[in-house]
């Protein structure tokens, strides 16, 4: 429950950045148009999650996939 409260702030950050996302509990898919956009978005997302709540973003699971 507590993670959902904090991740709501994360959702709002992404929406303020104009990004589309789908969140599944503590996992999320962030929809961007290019690999460059994915790389650009990854840094602020990781910083947001790792600084204040001190969560660990798994680099093995965090990836960009462009279709």
C-alpha atoms as a PDB file:
ATOM      1  CA  UNK A   1       0.000   0.000   0.000  1.00  0.00           C
ATOM      2  CA  UNK A   2       2.763   2.431   0.921  1.00  0.00           C
ATOM      3  CA  UNK A   3       4.551   1.808  -2.373  1.00  0.00           C
ATOM      4  CA  UNK A   4       1.377   2.678  -4.284  1.00  0.00           C
ATOM      5  CA  UNK A   5       1.167   6.000  -2.467  1.00  0.00           C
ATOM      6  CA  UNK A   6       4.728   6.905  -3.405  1.00  0.00           C
ATOM      7  CA  UNK A   7       4.509   5.505  -6.929  1.00  0.00           C
ATOM      8  CA  UNK A   8       1.475   7.707  -7.519  1.00  0.00           C
ATOM      9  CA  UNK A   9       3.897  10.664  -7.270  1.00  0.00           C
ATOM     10  CA  UNK A  10       6.092   8.894  -9.839  1.00  0.00           C
ATOM     11  CA  UNK A  11       3.086   8.470 -12.137  1.00  0.00           C
ATOM     12  CA  UNK A  12       2.319  12.169 -11.821  1.00  0.00           C
ATOM     13  CA  UNK A  13       5.942  13.077 -12.655  1.00  0.00           C
ATOM     14  CA  UNK A  14       5.750  11.029 -15.855  1.00  0.00           C
ATOM     15  CA  UNK A  15       2.395  12.500 -16.813  1.00  0.00           C
ATOM     16  CA  UNK A  16       3.779  16.014 -16.218  1.00  0.00           C
ATOM     17  CA  UNK A  17       6.605  15.103 -18.619  1.00  0.00           C
ATOM     18  CA  UNK A  18       3.931  14.218 -21.199  1.00  0.00           C
ATOM     19  CA  UNK A  19       4.694  10.493 -21.113  1.00  0.00           C
ATOM     20  CA  UNK A  20       2.268   7.614 -21.386  1.00  0.00           C
ATOM     21  CA  UNK A  21       2.705   4.792 -18.913  1.00  0.00           C
ATOM     22  CA  UNK A  22       1.172   1.590 -17.690  1.00  0.00           C
ATOM     23  CA  UNK A  23       1.967   0.522 -14.150  1.00  0.00           C
ATOM     24  CA  UNK A  24       1.587  -3.021 -12.792  1.00  0.00           C
ATOM     25  CA  UNK A  25       2.012  -2.849  -8.990  1.00  0.00           C
ATOM     26  CA  UNK A  26       5.693  -1.900  -8.695  1.00  0.00           C
ATOM     27  CA  UNK A  27       6.564  -2.399 -12.390  1.00  0.00           C
ATOM     28  CA  UNK A  28       5.785   0.047 -15.157  1.00  0.00           C
ATOM     29  CA  UNK A  29       6.026   0.460 -18.891  1.00  0.00           C
ATOM     30  CA  UNK A  30       6.820   3.965 -20.109  1.00  0.00           C
ATOM     31  CA  UNK A  31       5.853   4.538 -23.719  1.00  0.00           C
ATOM     32  CA  UNK A  32       8.155   6.732 -25.806  1.00  0.00           C
ATOM     33  CA  UNK A  33       8.685   7.124 -29.541  1.00  0.00           C
ATOM     34  CA  UNK A  34      12.389   6.344 -29.895  1.00  0.00           C
ATOM     35  CA  UNK A  35      15.373   4.708 -28.217  1.00  0.00           C
ATOM     36  CA  UNK A  36      16.900   8.180 -27.753  1.00  0.00           C
ATOM     37  CA  UNK A  37      13.769   9.300 -25.902  1.00  0.00           C
ATOM     38  CA  UNK A  38      13.933   6.169 -23.742  1.00  0.00           C
ATOM     39  CA  UNK A  39      17.537   6.883 -22.817  1.00  0.00           C
ATOM     40  CA  UNK A  40      16.673  10.509 -22.040  1.00  0.00           C
ATOM     41  CA  UNK A  41      13.748   9.506 -19.788  1.00  0.00           C
ATOM     42  CA  UNK A  42      15.619   6.768 -17.919  1.00  0.00           C
ATOM     43  CA  UNK A  43      17.907   9.115 -15.959  1.00  0.00           C
ATOM     44  CA  UNK A  44      15.264  11.297 -14.272  1.00  0.00           C
ATOM     45  CA  UNK A  45      13.096   8.241 -13.572  1.00  0.00           C
ATOM     46  CA  UNK A  46      15.963   6.391 -11.920  1.00  0.00           C
ATOM     47  CA  UNK A  47      16.974   9.485  -9.944  1.00  0.00           C
ATOM     48  CA  UNK A  48      13.410  10.062  -8.731  1.00  0.00           C
ATOM     49  CA  UNK A  49      13.088   6.495  -7.477  1.00  0.00           C
ATOM     50  CA  UNK A  50      16.555   6.053  -6.012  1.00  0.00           C
ATOM     51  CA  UNK A  51      16.997   9.416  -4.234  1.00  0.00           C
ATOM     52  CA  UNK A  52      13.968  10.131  -2.026  1.00  0.00           C
ATOM     53  CA  UNK A  53      12.479   6.699  -1.297  1.00  0.00           C
ATOM     54  CA  UNK A  54      15.875   5.013  -1.788  1.00  0.00           C
ATOM     55  CA  UNK A  55      14.433   2.316  -4.031  1.00  0.00           C
ATOM     56  CA  UNK A  56      16.740   0.256  -6.204  1.00  0.00           C
ATOM     57  CA  UNK A  57      16.097   0.256  -9.956  1.00  0.00           C
ATOM     58  CA  UNK A  58      17.195  -3.079 -11.389  1.00  0.00           C
ATOM     59  CA  UNK A  59      19.420  -2.296 -14.373  1.00  0.00           C
ATOM     60  CA  UNK A  60      19.007  -5.887 -15.571  1.00  0.00           C
ATOM     61  CA  UNK A  61      15.236  -5.452 -15.778  1.00  0.00           C
ATOM     62  CA  UNK A  62      15.240  -1.784 -16.794  1.00  0.00           C
ATOM     63  CA  UNK A  63      15.571  -1.769 -20.547  1.00  0.00           C
ATOM     64  CA  UNK A  64      14.362   0.068 -23.540  1.00  0.00           C
ATOM     65  CA  UNK A  65      12.552  -1.766 -26.272  1.00  0.00           C
ATOM     66  CA  UNK A  66      11.616   0.069 -29.436  1.00  0.00           C
ATOM     67  CA  UNK A  67       9.123  -1.380 -31.889  1.00  0.00           C
END
